[in-house]
């Protein structure tokens, strides 16, 4: 069985990144996984065997940028050795103070230089000198934009971003609802226990003495019955009558029954 191909994660919302990188990656026999939000980056890195992360530092995702994700990965013990390259365009510089393993300037580098940067990050090539890469990158596939002019995202990109946002909000609401239900159930059980305890105390205070007296009276009657049977069996009636009276008096005094 052959080795699994290296899996590269592309985190970008613009189509030109995939158009430039996918042919290079496939030609090397690698696999390119594409996502369009920071949430998907962390989930894919966690669940898939990713060998390299290519991320736009301005990648959106619920207030967390691509630069934030890179910082998170590099500060996590489990992923700090995972290579991360920033995908830049135009005059965009790499974020200051954010650890990464390099950059790729998509609209200014040619395919050879980009491929060398990928191999270098994967440990498959020696670092190249800047003068080796004098070539000018060909026009990137997809719409070009003038400096300072933003290209509107495609409808598919907007729909995917909205679907992901709904998924995140749904997960948060489900978690909050579960916590709320658990808290309500706990309070319900506490209230039931408190009310039962109060009811039990009230019953004992109101009905307890009468119930105890009744129980004692039953015990006295049982004792008297036993005494009568024993005496009737072993002594003459005259003696039995006296002993019975004495036993009844003793039991009444013992149990406080008038």
C-alpha atoms as a PDB file:
ATOM      1  CA  UNK A   1       0.000   0.000   0.000  1.00  0.00           C
ATOM      2  CA  UNK A   2       1.452   3.393  -1.040  1.00  0.00           C
ATOM      3  CA  UNK A   3       1.965   6.392   1.184  1.00  0.00           C
ATOM      4  CA  UNK A   4      -0.919   8.820   1.571  1.00  0.00           C
ATOM      5  CA  UNK A   5      -0.325  12.051  -0.394  1.00  0.00           C
ATOM      6  CA  UNK A   6       0.687  15.139   1.522  1.00  0.00           C
ATOM      7  CA  UNK A   7      -2.377  17.215   2.381  1.00  0.00           C
ATOM      8  CA  UNK A   8      -2.062  20.999   2.073  1.00  0.00           C
ATOM      9  CA  UNK A   9      -4.735  23.244   3.575  1.00  0.00           C
ATOM     10  CA  UNK A  10      -5.629  26.381   1.605  1.00  0.00           C
ATOM     11  CA  UNK A  11      -7.553  28.938   3.672  1.00  0.00           C
ATOM     12  CA  UNK A  12      -8.609  31.783   1.380  1.00  0.00           C
ATOM     13  CA  UNK A  13     -11.803  33.376   0.090  1.00  0.00           C
ATOM     14  CA  UNK A  14     -10.579  34.532  -3.328  1.00  0.00           C
ATOM     15  CA  UNK A  15     -10.627  32.190  -6.329  1.00  0.00           C
ATOM     16  CA  UNK A  16      -7.192  33.160  -7.655  1.00  0.00           C
ATOM     17  CA  UNK A  17      -5.414  31.398  -4.791  1.00  0.00           C
ATOM     18  CA  UNK A  18      -6.927  28.038  -5.659  1.00  0.00           C
ATOM     19  CA  UNK A  19      -6.439  28.603  -9.385  1.00  0.00           C
ATOM     20  CA  UNK A  20      -2.714  29.231  -8.876  1.00  0.00           C
ATOM     21  CA  UNK A  21      -1.956  26.626  -6.213  1.00  0.00           C
ATOM     22  CA  UNK A  22      -4.107  23.655  -7.186  1.00  0.00           C
ATOM     23  CA  UNK A  23      -2.246  22.758 -10.441  1.00  0.00           C
ATOM     24  CA  UNK A  24       1.133  22.966  -8.663  1.00  0.00           C
ATOM     25  CA  UNK A  25      -0.044  20.818  -5.768  1.00  0.00           C
ATOM     26  CA  UNK A  26      -1.702  18.162  -7.919  1.00  0.00           C
ATOM     27  CA  UNK A  27       1.288  17.973 -10.225  1.00  0.00           C
ATOM     28  CA  UNK A  28       3.401  16.973  -7.194  1.00  0.00           C
ATOM     29  CA  UNK A  29       0.886  14.261  -6.264  1.00  0.00           C
ATOM     30  CA  UNK A  30      -0.265  16.182  -3.196  1.00  0.00           C
ATOM     31  CA  UNK A  31      -3.799  16.969  -2.073  1.00  0.00           C
ATOM     32  CA  UNK A  32      -5.242  20.478  -1.654  1.00  0.00           C
ATOM     33  CA  UNK A  33      -8.048  21.007   0.874  1.00  0.00           C
ATOM     34  CA  UNK A  34      -9.786  24.391   0.561  1.00  0.00           C
ATOM     35  CA  UNK A  35     -11.702  26.263   3.278  1.00  0.00           C
ATOM     36  CA  UNK A  36     -12.996  29.808   3.472  1.00  0.00           C
ATOM     37  CA  UNK A  37     -13.201  30.682   7.172  1.00  0.00           C
ATOM     38  CA  UNK A  38     -11.028  30.598  10.263  1.00  0.00           C
ATOM     39  CA  UNK A  39     -13.443  28.223  12.001  1.00  0.00           C
ATOM     40  CA  UNK A  40     -12.986  25.675   9.214  1.00  0.00           C
ATOM     41  CA  UNK A  41      -9.198  26.013   9.436  1.00  0.00           C
ATOM     42  CA  UNK A  42      -9.054  24.953  13.082  1.00  0.00           C
ATOM     43  CA  UNK A  43     -11.539  22.139  12.543  1.00  0.00           C
ATOM     44  CA  UNK A  44      -9.671  20.774   9.506  1.00  0.00           C
ATOM     45  CA  UNK A  45      -6.297  20.941  11.229  1.00  0.00           C
ATOM     46  CA  UNK A  46      -7.787  19.095  14.193  1.00  0.00           C
ATOM     47  CA  UNK A  47      -9.562  16.386  12.181  1.00  0.00           C
ATOM     48  CA  UNK A  48      -7.312  15.883   9.128  1.00  0.00           C
ATOM     49  CA  UNK A  49      -3.660  14.995   8.697  1.00  0.00           C
ATOM     50  CA  UNK A  50      -2.507  18.361   7.325  1.00  0.00           C
ATOM     51  CA  UNK A  51       1.145  18.814   6.329  1.00  0.00           C
ATOM     52  CA  UNK A  52       1.082  22.559   5.537  1.00  0.00           C
ATOM     53  CA  UNK A  53      -1.290  25.494   6.115  1.00  0.00           C
ATOM     54  CA  UNK A  54      -1.537  28.244   3.483  1.00  0.00           C
ATOM     55  CA  UNK A  55      -3.624  31.060   4.945  1.00  0.00           C
ATOM     56  CA  UNK A  56      -4.701  34.550   4.035  1.00  0.00           C
ATOM     57  CA  UNK A  57      -3.912  36.683   7.126  1.00  0.00           C
ATOM     58  CA  UNK A  58      -7.131  38.649   6.502  1.00  0.00           C
ATOM     59  CA  UNK A  59      -9.301  35.511   6.315  1.00  0.00           C
ATOM     60  CA  UNK A  60     -12.616  36.288   8.057  1.00  0.00           C
ATOM     61  CA  UNK A  61     -14.505  34.206  10.591  1.00  0.00           C
ATOM     62  CA  UNK A  62     -16.618  35.471  13.523  1.00  0.00           C
ATOM     63  CA  UNK A  63     -14.191  38.181  14.525  1.00  0.00           C
ATOM     64  CA  UNK A  64     -11.128  35.911  14.237  1.00  0.00           C
ATOM     65  CA  UNK A  65      -8.711  36.595  11.369  1.00  0.00           C
ATOM     66  CA  UNK A  66      -6.295  34.319   9.582  1.00  0.00           C
ATOM     67  CA  UNK A  67      -3.455  35.982  11.484  1.00  0.00           C
ATOM     68  CA  UNK A  68      -5.184  35.067  14.754  1.00  0.00           C
ATOM     69  CA  UNK A  69      -5.464  31.451  13.634  1.00  0.00           C
ATOM     70  CA  UNK A  70      -1.764  31.333  12.725  1.00  0.00           C
ATOM     71  CA  UNK A  71      -0.883  32.670  16.172  1.00  0.00           C
ATOM     72  CA  UNK A  72      -3.174  30.077  17.780  1.00  0.00           C
ATOM     73  CA  UNK A  73      -1.614  27.200  15.855  1.00  0.00           C
ATOM     74  CA  UNK A  74       1.923  28.293  16.627  1.00  0.00           C
ATOM     75  CA  UNK A  75       1.162  28.657  20.334  1.00  0.00           C
ATOM     76  CA  UNK A  76      -0.466  25.218  20.622  1.00  0.00           C
ATOM     77  CA  UNK A  77       1.847  22.381  21.641  1.00  0.00           C
ATOM     78  CA  UNK A  78       0.095  19.961  19.314  1.00  0.00           C
ATOM     79  CA  UNK A  79       0.413  22.157  16.181  1.00  0.00           C
ATOM     80  CA  UNK A  80       3.399  24.452  16.751  1.00  0.00           C
ATOM     81  CA  UNK A  81       5.557  22.367  14.391  1.00  0.00           C
ATOM     82  CA  UNK A  82       2.939  22.500  11.591  1.00  0.00           C
ATOM     83  CA  UNK A  83       4.301  24.799   8.838  1.00  0.00           C
ATOM     84  CA  UNK A  84       2.191  27.908   8.200  1.00  0.00           C
ATOM     85  CA  UNK A  85       2.669  30.198   5.186  1.00  0.00           C
ATOM     86  CA  UNK A  86       0.844  33.504   4.739  1.00  0.00           C
ATOM     87  CA  UNK A  87      -0.740  34.124   1.335  1.00  0.00           C
ATOM     88  CA  UNK A  88      -0.162  37.772   0.392  1.00  0.00           C
ATOM     89  CA  UNK A  89      -1.187  39.938  -2.530  1.00  0.00           C
ATOM     90  CA  UNK A  90       0.027  43.296  -3.805  1.00  0.00           C
ATOM     91  CA  UNK A  91       1.725  45.368  -1.137  1.00  0.00           C
ATOM     92  CA  UNK A  92       0.195  43.467   1.777  1.00  0.00           C
ATOM     93  CA  UNK A  93       2.945  42.667   4.278  1.00  0.00           C
ATOM     94  CA  UNK A  94       2.982  39.757   6.684  1.00  0.00           C
ATOM     95  CA  UNK A  95       1.386  40.608  10.051  1.00  0.00           C
ATOM     96  CA  UNK A  96       3.909  41.935  12.544  1.00  0.00           C
ATOM     97  CA  UNK A  97       4.497  39.818  15.622  1.00  0.00           C
ATOM     98  CA  UNK A  98       2.651  36.777  14.263  1.00  0.00           C
ATOM     99  CA  UNK A  99       4.851  33.669  14.012  1.00  0.00           C
ATOM    100  CA  UNK A 100       4.799  31.932  10.644  1.00  0.00           C
ATOM    101  CA  UNK A 101       7.167  29.886   8.505  1.00  0.00           C
ATOM    102  CA  UNK A 102       7.149  32.194   5.505  1.00  0.00           C
ATOM    103  CA  UNK A 103       5.009  33.917   2.896  1.00  0.00           C
ATOM    104  CA  UNK A 104       3.860  33.476  -0.681  1.00  0.00           C
ATOM    105  CA  UNK A 105       2.998  36.546  -2.756  1.00  0.00           C
ATOM    106  CA  UNK A 106       0.430  35.098  -5.123  1.00  0.00           C
ATOM    107  CA  UNK A 107       0.177  37.921  -7.648  1.00  0.00           C
ATOM    108  CA  UNK A 108       3.932  38.627  -7.889  1.00  0.00           C
ATOM    109  CA  UNK A 109       5.582  35.218  -7.741  1.00  0.00           C
ATOM    110  CA  UNK A 110       5.815  32.785 -10.594  1.00  0.00           C
ATOM    111  CA  UNK A 111       4.879  29.081 -10.341  1.00  0.00           C
ATOM    112  CA  UNK A 112       8.494  27.946  -9.871  1.00  0.00           C
ATOM    113  CA  UNK A 113       9.068  30.237  -6.928  1.00  0.00           C
ATOM    114  CA  UNK A 114       5.733  29.312  -5.326  1.00  0.00           C
ATOM    115  CA  UNK A 115       6.441  25.612  -5.713  1.00  0.00           C
ATOM    116  CA  UNK A 116       9.915  26.041  -4.212  1.00  0.00           C
ATOM    117  CA  UNK A 117       8.374  27.864  -1.224  1.00  0.00           C
ATOM    118  CA  UNK A 118       5.953  24.972  -0.711  1.00  0.00           C
ATOM    119  CA  UNK A 119       8.731  22.370  -0.879  1.00  0.00           C
ATOM    120  CA  UNK A 120      10.933  24.433   1.417  1.00  0.00           C
ATOM    121  CA  UNK A 121       8.172  24.631   4.024  1.00  0.00           C
ATOM    122  CA  UNK A 122       7.655  20.865   3.749  1.00  0.00           C
ATOM    123  CA  UNK A 123      11.375  20.201   4.154  1.00  0.00           C
ATOM    124  CA  UNK A 124      11.762  18.951   0.591  1.00  0.00           C
ATOM    125  CA  UNK A 125      14.072  21.682  -0.742  1.00  0.00           C
ATOM    126  CA  UNK A 126      16.903  23.904   0.421  1.00  0.00           C
ATOM    127  CA  UNK A 127      16.182  27.615   0.922  1.00  0.00           C
ATOM    128  CA  UNK A 128      16.542  29.534  -2.331  1.00  0.00           C
ATOM    129  CA  UNK A 129      18.339  32.855  -2.822  1.00  0.00           C
ATOM    130  CA  UNK A 130      16.201  35.876  -3.721  1.00  0.00           C
ATOM    131  CA  UNK A 131      18.129  36.462  -6.943  1.00  0.00           C
ATOM    132  CA  UNK A 132      17.097  33.022  -8.232  1.00  0.00           C
ATOM    133  CA  UNK A 133      13.552  34.257  -8.595  1.00  0.00           C
ATOM    134  CA  UNK A 134      13.773  37.143 -11.017  1.00  0.00           C
ATOM    135  CA  UNK A 135      10.764  35.971 -13.003  1.00  0.00           C
ATOM    136  CA  UNK A 136       7.522  37.891 -13.001  1.00  0.00           C
ATOM    137  CA  UNK A 137       4.378  35.996 -12.173  1.00  0.00           C
ATOM    138  CA  UNK A 138       1.917  35.540 -15.013  1.00  0.00           C
ATOM    139  CA  UNK A 139      -1.555  37.049 -14.633  1.00  0.00           C
ATOM    140  CA  UNK A 140      -3.437  35.108 -12.005  1.00  0.00           C
ATOM    141  CA  UNK A 141      -6.587  33.313 -12.989  1.00  0.00           C
ATOM    142  CA  UNK A 142      -9.807  34.961 -11.935  1.00  0.00           C
ATOM    143  CA  UNK A 143     -10.674  38.656 -11.605  1.00  0.00           C
ATOM    144  CA  UNK A 144      -7.832  41.137 -11.068  1.00  0.00           C
ATOM    145  CA  UNK A 145      -8.233  44.152  -8.865  1.00  0.00           C
ATOM    146  CA  UNK A 146      -6.613  47.550  -8.897  1.00  0.00           C
ATOM    147  CA  UNK A 147      -4.665  48.574  -5.795  1.00  0.00           C
ATOM    148  CA  UNK A 148      -7.046  49.701  -3.086  1.00  0.00           C
ATOM    149  CA  UNK A 149     -10.131  48.312  -4.878  1.00  0.00           C
ATOM    150  CA  UNK A 150     -11.847  45.377  -3.221  1.00  0.00           C
ATOM    151  CA  UNK A 151     -13.398  42.643  -5.353  1.00  0.00           C
ATOM    152  CA  UNK A 152     -16.889  41.659  -4.202  1.00  0.00           C
ATOM    153  CA  UNK A 153     -17.080  38.039  -3.042  1.00  0.00           C
ATOM    154  CA  UNK A 154     -18.998  35.565  -5.176  1.00  0.00           C
ATOM    155  CA  UNK A 155     -22.552  34.547  -4.191  1.00  0.00           C
ATOM    156  CA  UNK A 156     -21.282  31.039  -3.402  1.00  0.00           C
ATOM    157  CA  UNK A 157     -18.707  32.473  -0.994  1.00  0.00           C
ATOM    158  CA  UNK A 158     -21.342  34.595   0.749  1.00  0.00           C
ATOM    159  CA  UNK A 159     -23.725  31.641   1.041  1.00  0.00           C
ATOM    160  CA  UNK A 160     -21.032  29.385   2.497  1.00  0.00           C
ATOM    161  CA  UNK A 161     -20.008  32.087   4.971  1.00  0.00           C
ATOM    162  CA  UNK A 162     -23.622  32.582   6.058  1.00  0.00           C
ATOM    163  CA  UNK A 163     -24.196  28.823   6.363  1.00  0.00           C
ATOM    164  CA  UNK A 164     -21.135  28.480   8.542  1.00  0.00           C
ATOM    165  CA  UNK A 165     -22.194  31.421  10.715  1.00  0.00           C
ATOM    166  CA  UNK A 166     -25.631  29.832  11.175  1.00  0.00           C
ATOM    167  CA  UNK A 167     -23.946  26.535  12.106  1.00  0.00           C
ATOM    168  CA  UNK A 168     -21.780  28.239  14.719  1.00  0.00           C
ATOM    169  CA  UNK A 169     -24.688  30.206  16.189  1.00  0.00           C
ATOM    170  CA  UNK A 170     -26.857  27.067  16.264  1.00  0.00           C
ATOM    171  CA  UNK A 171     -24.165  25.159  18.133  1.00  0.00           C
ATOM    172  CA  UNK A 172     -23.790  27.960  20.666  1.00  0.00           C
ATOM    173  CA  UNK A 173     -27.564  28.218  21.176  1.00  0.00           C
ATOM    174  CA  UNK A 174     -27.880  24.457  21.643  1.00  0.00           C
ATOM    175  CA  UNK A 175     -25.105  24.509  24.237  1.00  0.00           C
ATOM    176  CA  UNK A 176     -26.648  27.461  26.091  1.00  0.00           C
ATOM    177  CA  UNK A 177     -30.095  25.834  25.993  1.00  0.00           C
ATOM    178  CA  UNK A 178     -28.723  22.583  27.410  1.00  0.00           C
ATOM    179  CA  UNK A 179     -27.026  24.489  30.244  1.00  0.00           C
ATOM    180  CA  UNK A 180     -30.230  26.426  30.958  1.00  0.00           C
ATOM    181  CA  UNK A 181     -32.356  23.266  31.027  1.00  0.00           C
ATOM    182  CA  UNK A 182     -29.889  21.565  33.357  1.00  0.00           C
ATOM    183  CA  UNK A 183     -29.939  24.548  35.704  1.00  0.00           C
ATOM    184  CA  UNK A 184     -33.752  24.692  35.653  1.00  0.00           C
ATOM    185  CA  UNK A 185     -33.991  20.963  36.363  1.00  0.00           C
ATOM    186  CA  UNK A 186     -31.571  21.286  39.285  1.00  0.00           C
ATOM    187  CA  UNK A 187     -33.587  24.171  40.756  1.00  0.00           C
ATOM    188  CA  UNK A 188     -36.808  22.199  40.250  1.00  0.00           C
ATOM    189  CA  UNK A 189     -35.451  19.212  42.192  1.00  0.00           C
ATOM    190  CA  UNK A 190     -34.175  21.474  44.966  1.00  0.00           C
ATOM    191  CA  UNK A 191     -37.593  23.148  45.267  1.00  0.00           C
ATOM    192  CA  UNK A 192     -39.414  19.794  45.326  1.00  0.00           C
ATOM    193  CA  UNK A 193     -37.049  18.502  48.019  1.00  0.00           C
ATOM    194  CA  UNK A 194     -37.556  21.653  50.068  1.00  0.00           C
ATOM    195  CA  UNK A 195     -41.333  21.454  49.834  1.00  0.00           C
ATOM    196  CA  UNK A 196     -41.361  17.759  50.721  1.00  0.00           C
ATOM    197  CA  UNK A 197     -39.135  18.465  53.695  1.00  0.00           C
ATOM    198  CA  UNK A 198     -41.447  21.252  54.909  1.00  0.00           C
ATOM    199  CA  UNK A 199     -44.502  19.043  54.382  1.00  0.00           C
ATOM    200  CA  UNK A 200     -42.874  16.199  56.311  1.00  0.00           C
ATOM    201  CA  UNK A 201     -42.018  18.509  59.211  1.00  0.00           C
ATOM    202  CA  UNK A 202     -45.548  19.934  59.331  1.00  0.00           C
ATOM    203  CA  UNK A 203     -47.035  16.444  59.297  1.00  0.00           C
ATOM    204  CA  UNK A 204     -44.754  15.285  62.105  1.00  0.00           C
ATOM    205  CA  UNK A 205     -45.566  18.320  64.272  1.00  0.00           C
ATOM    206  CA  UNK A 206     -49.310  18.026  63.709  1.00  0.00           C
ATOM    207  CA  UNK A 207     -49.862  14.296  63.421  1.00  0.00           C
ATOM    208  CA  UNK A 208     -46.776  12.883  65.091  1.00  0.00           C
ATOM    209  CA  UNK A 209     -47.802  12.982  68.769  1.00  0.00           C
ATOM    210  CA  UNK A 210     -51.221  11.454  68.093  1.00  0.00           C
ATOM    211  CA  UNK A 211     -49.648   8.737  65.955  1.00  0.00           C
ATOM    212  CA  UNK A 212     -47.084   7.981  68.662  1.00  0.00           C
ATOM    213  CA  UNK A 213     -49.767   7.797  71.355  1.00  0.00           C
ATOM    214  CA  UNK A 214     -51.798   5.457  69.186  1.00  0.00           C
ATOM    215  CA  UNK A 215     -48.757   3.247  68.607  1.00  0.00           C
ATOM    216  CA  UNK A 216     -48.033   3.114  72.352  1.00  0.00           C
ATOM    217  CA  UNK A 217     -51.672   2.268  73.082  1.00  0.00           C
ATOM    218  CA  UNK A 218     -51.474  -0.587  70.602  1.00  0.00           C
ATOM    219  CA  UNK A 219     -48.335  -1.881  72.306  1.00  0.00           C
ATOM    220  CA  UNK A 220     -50.056  -1.682  75.724  1.00  0.00           C
ATOM    221  CA  UNK A 221     -53.038  -3.614  74.440  1.00  0.00           C
ATOM    222  CA  UNK A 222     -50.765  -6.258  72.968  1.00  0.00           C
ATOM    223  CA  UNK A 223     -48.825  -6.562  76.227  1.00  0.00           C
ATOM    224  CA  UNK A 224     -51.991  -6.838  78.258  1.00  0.00           C
ATOM    225  CA  UNK A 225     -53.296  -9.520  75.951  1.00  0.00           C
ATOM    226  CA  UNK A 226     -50.080 -11.487  76.321  1.00  0.00           C
ATOM    227  CA  UNK A 227     -50.209 -11.125  80.103  1.00  0.00           C
ATOM    228  CA  UNK A 228     -53.784 -12.309  80.253  1.00  0.00           C
ATOM    229  CA  UNK A 229     -53.011 -15.355  78.187  1.00  0.00           C
ATOM    230  CA  UNK A 230     -49.963 -16.261  80.264  1.00  0.00           C
ATOM    231  CA  UNK A 231     -51.683 -15.751  83.582  1.00  0.00           C
ATOM    232  CA  UNK A 232     -54.821 -17.553  82.557  1.00  0.00           C
ATOM    233  CA  UNK A 233     -52.732 -20.508  81.581  1.00  0.00           C
ATOM    234  CA  UNK A 234     -50.597 -20.719  84.732  1.00  0.00           C
ATOM    235  CA  UNK A 235     -52.505 -19.314  87.764  1.00  0.00           C
ATOM    236  CA  UNK A 236     -55.907 -19.543  89.300  1.00  0.00           C
ATOM    237  CA  UNK A 237     -58.504 -16.927  88.320  1.00  0.00           C
ATOM    238  CA  UNK A 238     -58.328 -15.035  91.662  1.00  0.00           C
ATOM    239  CA  UNK A 239     -54.570 -14.519  91.413  1.00  0.00           C
ATOM    240  CA  UNK A 240     -54.825 -13.824  87.717  1.00  0.00           C
ATOM    241  CA  UNK A 241     -57.192 -10.923  88.224  1.00  0.00           C
ATOM    242  CA  UNK A 242     -54.791  -9.223  90.656  1.00  0.00           C
ATOM    243  CA  UNK A 243     -51.734  -9.832  88.478  1.00  0.00           C
ATOM    244  CA  UNK A 244     -53.539  -8.529  85.437  1.00  0.00           C
ATOM    245  CA  UNK A 245     -54.474  -5.348  87.216  1.00  0.00           C
ATOM    246  CA  UNK A 246     -50.897  -4.841  88.395  1.00  0.00           C
ATOM    247  CA  UNK A 247     -49.504  -5.505  84.920  1.00  0.00           C
ATOM    248  CA  UNK A 248     -51.916  -3.029  83.360  1.00  0.00           C
ATOM    249  CA  UNK A 249     -50.959  -0.359  85.894  1.00  0.00           C
ATOM    250  CA  UNK A 250     -47.256  -0.994  85.276  1.00  0.00           C
ATOM    251  CA  UNK A 251     -47.611  -0.784  81.513  1.00  0.00           C
ATOM    252  CA  UNK A 252     -49.645   2.397  81.751  1.00  0.00           C
ATOM    253  CA  UNK A 253     -47.014   3.994  83.942  1.00  0.00           C
ATOM    254  CA  UNK A 254     -44.213   2.806  81.668  1.00  0.00           C
ATOM    255  CA  UNK A 255     -45.788   4.180  78.489  1.00  0.00           C
ATOM    256  CA  UNK A 256     -47.518   7.193  80.063  1.00  0.00           C
ATOM    257  CA  UNK A 257     -50.983   6.121  78.971  1.00  0.00           C
ATOM    258  CA  UNK A 258     -53.899   7.385  81.020  1.00  0.00           C
END
